[in-house]
Amino acid sequence: MRDKTHTEHIERWAEFVKTHPRHVWIREVGPLIDAQIIMANAFYERLAKVKGGIEKIRKLRKLE
């Protein structure tokens, strides 16, 4: 269970997103999203190189 401060942070962020234009808040979250995509792609590239990796990727993508 997450603590109260986590919930408060989520609520503050949601309020910020609601009250500010997209071009303002995207500067805050854009680099995080980009980093997550880069890390996911690197994971898939590493997984593809191991025995049975391609099959595992196919299974993972069916979950999407």
N, C-alpha and C. Protein backbone atom coordinates (compact mmCIF):
# COMPACT_ATOMS: atom_id res chain seq x y z
N MET A 1 0.84 -1.19 0.00
CA MET A 1 0.00 0.00 0.00
C MET A 1 0.88 1.24 0.00
N ARG A 2 0.57 2.15 -0.86
CA ARG A 2 1.34 3.38 -0.94
C ARG A 2 0.93 4.33 0.19
N ASP A 3 1.85 5.18 0.55
CA ASP A 3 1.54 6.09 1.65
C ASP A 3 0.75 7.31 1.16
N LYS A 4 0.31 8.10 2.10
CA LYS A 4 -0.54 9.25 1.80
C LYS A 4 0.16 10.28 0.92
N THR A 5 1.48 10.44 1.09
CA THR A 5 2.19 11.44 0.30
C THR A 5 2.20 11.07 -1.18
N HIS A 6 2.22 9.79 -1.49
CA HIS A 6 2.17 9.36 -2.89
C HIS A 6 0.83 9.78 -3.51
N THR A 7 -0.24 9.49 -2.80
CA THR A 7 -1.58 9.85 -3.29
C THR A 7 -1.69 11.36 -3.45
N GLU A 8 -1.16 12.11 -2.51
CA GLU A 8 -1.20 13.57 -2.61
C GLU A 8 -0.42 14.07 -3.82
N HIS A 9 0.71 13.44 -4.09
CA HIS A 9 1.52 13.84 -5.25
C HIS A 9 0.74 13.58 -6.54
N ILE A 10 0.10 12.43 -6.64
CA ILE A 10 -0.69 12.09 -7.83
C ILE A 10 -1.81 13.11 -8.01
N GLU A 11 -2.47 13.46 -6.93
CA GLU A 11 -3.56 14.44 -7.01
C GLU A 11 -3.05 15.81 -7.44
N ARG A 12 -1.89 16.22 -6.93
CA ARG A 12 -1.31 17.51 -7.33
C ARG A 12 -0.94 17.49 -8.81
N TRP A 13 -0.37 16.38 -9.28
CA TRP A 13 0.01 16.27 -10.68
C TRP A 13 -1.24 16.31 -11.57
N ALA A 14 -2.28 15.60 -11.19
CA ALA A 14 -3.52 15.60 -11.96
C ALA A 14 -4.09 17.01 -12.04
N GLU A 15 -4.06 17.74 -10.95
CA GLU A 15 -4.55 19.12 -10.94
C GLU A 15 -3.70 20.00 -11.85
N PHE A 16 -2.39 19.80 -11.82
CA PHE A 16 -1.47 20.56 -12.67
C PHE A 16 -1.80 20.31 -14.14
N VAL A 17 -2.00 19.05 -14.51
CA VAL A 17 -2.31 18.70 -15.89
C VAL A 17 -3.65 19.31 -16.32
N LYS A 18 -4.61 19.31 -15.42
CA LYS A 18 -5.93 19.88 -15.74
C LYS A 18 -5.88 21.39 -15.92
N THR A 19 -5.01 22.06 -15.19
CA THR A 19 -5.03 23.52 -15.16
C THR A 19 -3.95 24.18 -16.01
N HIS A 20 -3.12 23.39 -16.67
CA HIS A 20 -2.06 23.95 -17.51
C HIS A 20 -2.15 23.35 -18.91
N PRO A 21 -1.78 24.13 -19.92
CA PRO A 21 -1.80 23.62 -21.29
C PRO A 21 -0.80 22.47 -21.46
N ARG A 22 -1.10 21.62 -22.43
CA ARG A 22 -0.26 20.44 -22.68
C ARG A 22 1.20 20.82 -22.91
N HIS A 23 1.46 21.89 -23.66
CA HIS A 23 2.84 22.25 -23.96
C HIS A 23 3.64 22.60 -22.70
N VAL A 24 2.97 22.95 -21.64
CA VAL A 24 3.65 23.26 -20.38
C VAL A 24 4.02 21.98 -19.63
N TRP A 25 3.03 21.10 -19.42
CA TRP A 25 3.32 19.91 -18.61
C TRP A 25 4.06 18.82 -19.37
N ILE A 26 4.01 18.86 -20.71
CA ILE A 26 4.73 17.84 -21.48
C ILE A 26 6.24 18.00 -21.29
N ARG A 27 6.69 19.21 -21.01
CA ARG A 27 8.12 19.42 -20.74
C ARG A 27 8.56 18.67 -19.49
N GLU A 28 7.63 18.51 -18.56
CA GLU A 28 7.94 17.80 -17.32
C GLU A 28 7.97 16.29 -17.52
N VAL A 29 7.01 15.76 -18.26
CA VAL A 29 6.84 14.32 -18.37
C VAL A 29 7.48 13.74 -19.64
N GLY A 30 7.70 14.57 -20.64
CA GLY A 30 8.26 14.10 -21.90
C GLY A 30 9.57 13.32 -21.75
N PRO A 31 10.56 13.86 -21.05
CA PRO A 31 11.81 13.14 -20.90
C PRO A 31 11.65 11.79 -20.18
N LEU A 32 10.74 11.72 -19.24
CA LEU A 32 10.49 10.45 -18.54
C LEU A 32 9.90 9.42 -19.50
N ILE A 33 8.92 9.81 -20.27
CA ILE A 33 8.30 8.90 -21.24
C ILE A 33 9.33 8.45 -22.27
N ASP A 34 10.13 9.40 -22.78
CA ASP A 34 11.16 9.05 -23.75
C ASP A 34 12.14 8.03 -23.17
N ALA A 35 12.55 8.23 -21.93
CA ALA A 35 13.48 7.30 -21.29
C ALA A 35 12.86 5.92 -21.13
N GLN A 36 11.59 5.85 -20.80
CA GLN A 36 10.92 4.57 -20.65
C GLN A 36 10.86 3.82 -21.99
N ILE A 37 10.60 4.53 -23.05
CA ILE A 37 10.55 3.91 -24.38
C ILE A 37 11.94 3.41 -24.78
N ILE A 38 12.96 4.20 -24.54
CA ILE A 38 14.33 3.79 -24.85
C ILE A 38 14.72 2.54 -24.07
N MET A 39 14.38 2.50 -22.79
CA MET A 39 14.71 1.32 -21.97
C MET A 39 13.94 0.09 -22.43
N ALA A 40 12.69 0.25 -22.80
CA ALA A 40 11.90 -0.88 -23.28
C ALA A 40 12.48 -1.42 -24.58
N ASN A 41 12.85 -0.54 -25.49
CA ASN A 41 13.45 -0.98 -26.75
C ASN A 41 14.77 -1.70 -26.52
N ALA A 42 15.58 -1.20 -25.61
CA ALA A 42 16.85 -1.85 -25.29
C ALA A 42 16.60 -3.24 -24.70
N PHE A 43 15.58 -3.37 -23.86
CA PHE A 43 15.22 -4.67 -23.29
C PHE A 43 14.85 -5.66 -24.40
N TYR A 44 14.00 -5.22 -25.33
CA TYR A 44 13.59 -6.10 -26.43
C TYR A 44 14.79 -6.50 -27.30
N GLU A 45 15.70 -5.57 -27.53
CA GLU A 45 16.89 -5.89 -28.32
C GLU A 45 17.75 -6.94 -27.62
N ARG A 46 17.94 -6.79 -26.31
CA ARG A 46 18.72 -7.78 -25.55
C ARG A 46 18.01 -9.12 -25.53
N LEU A 47 16.72 -9.11 -25.31
CA LEU A 47 15.94 -10.34 -25.24
C LEU A 47 15.97 -11.07 -26.57
N ALA A 48 15.93 -10.34 -27.67
CA ALA A 48 15.93 -10.95 -29.00
C ALA A 48 17.21 -11.73 -29.27
N LYS A 49 18.29 -11.39 -28.58
CA LYS A 49 19.58 -12.03 -28.80
C LYS A 49 19.77 -13.33 -28.03
N VAL A 50 18.91 -13.61 -27.05
CA VAL A 50 19.06 -14.83 -26.27
C VAL A 50 18.22 -15.95 -26.88
N LYS A 51 18.60 -17.17 -26.56
CA LYS A 51 17.87 -18.32 -27.08
C LYS A 51 16.41 -18.25 -26.62
N GLY A 52 15.50 -18.36 -27.56
CA GLY A 52 14.08 -18.32 -27.25
C GLY A 52 13.54 -16.91 -27.03
N GLY A 53 14.39 -15.92 -27.23
CA GLY A 53 13.99 -14.54 -26.98
C GLY A 53 12.88 -14.04 -27.89
N ILE A 54 12.96 -14.38 -29.16
CA ILE A 54 11.95 -13.92 -30.11
C ILE A 54 10.58 -14.47 -29.72
N GLU A 55 10.54 -15.72 -29.31
CA GLU A 55 9.26 -16.32 -28.88
C GLU A 55 8.72 -15.62 -27.64
N LYS A 56 9.61 -15.27 -26.72
CA LYS A 56 9.19 -14.57 -25.51
C LYS A 56 8.63 -13.19 -25.86
N ILE A 57 9.27 -12.52 -26.80
CA ILE A 57 8.78 -11.20 -27.23
C ILE A 57 7.39 -11.33 -27.83
N ARG A 58 7.19 -12.35 -28.65
CA ARG A 58 5.86 -12.55 -29.24
C ARG A 58 4.81 -12.77 -28.16
N LYS A 59 5.16 -13.54 -27.14
CA LYS A 59 4.22 -13.77 -26.03
C LYS A 59 3.93 -12.47 -25.28
N LEU A 60 4.98 -11.69 -25.03
CA LEU A 60 4.81 -10.42 -24.32
C LEU A 60 3.90 -9.47 -25.11
N ARG A 61 4.11 -9.41 -26.39
CA ARG A 61 3.33 -8.47 -27.20
C ARG A 61 1.87 -8.87 -27.34
N LYS A 62 1.57 -10.13 -27.17
CA LYS A 62 0.17 -10.55 -27.19
C LYS A 62 -0.58 -10.06 -25.96
N LEU A 63 0.15 -9.71 -24.91
CA LEU A 63 -0.46 -9.19 -23.68
C LEU A 63 -0.92 -7.75 -23.84
N GLU A 64 -0.39 -7.06 -24.83
CA GLU A 64 -0.70 -5.63 -25.01
C GLU A 64 -2.13 -5.40 -25.40
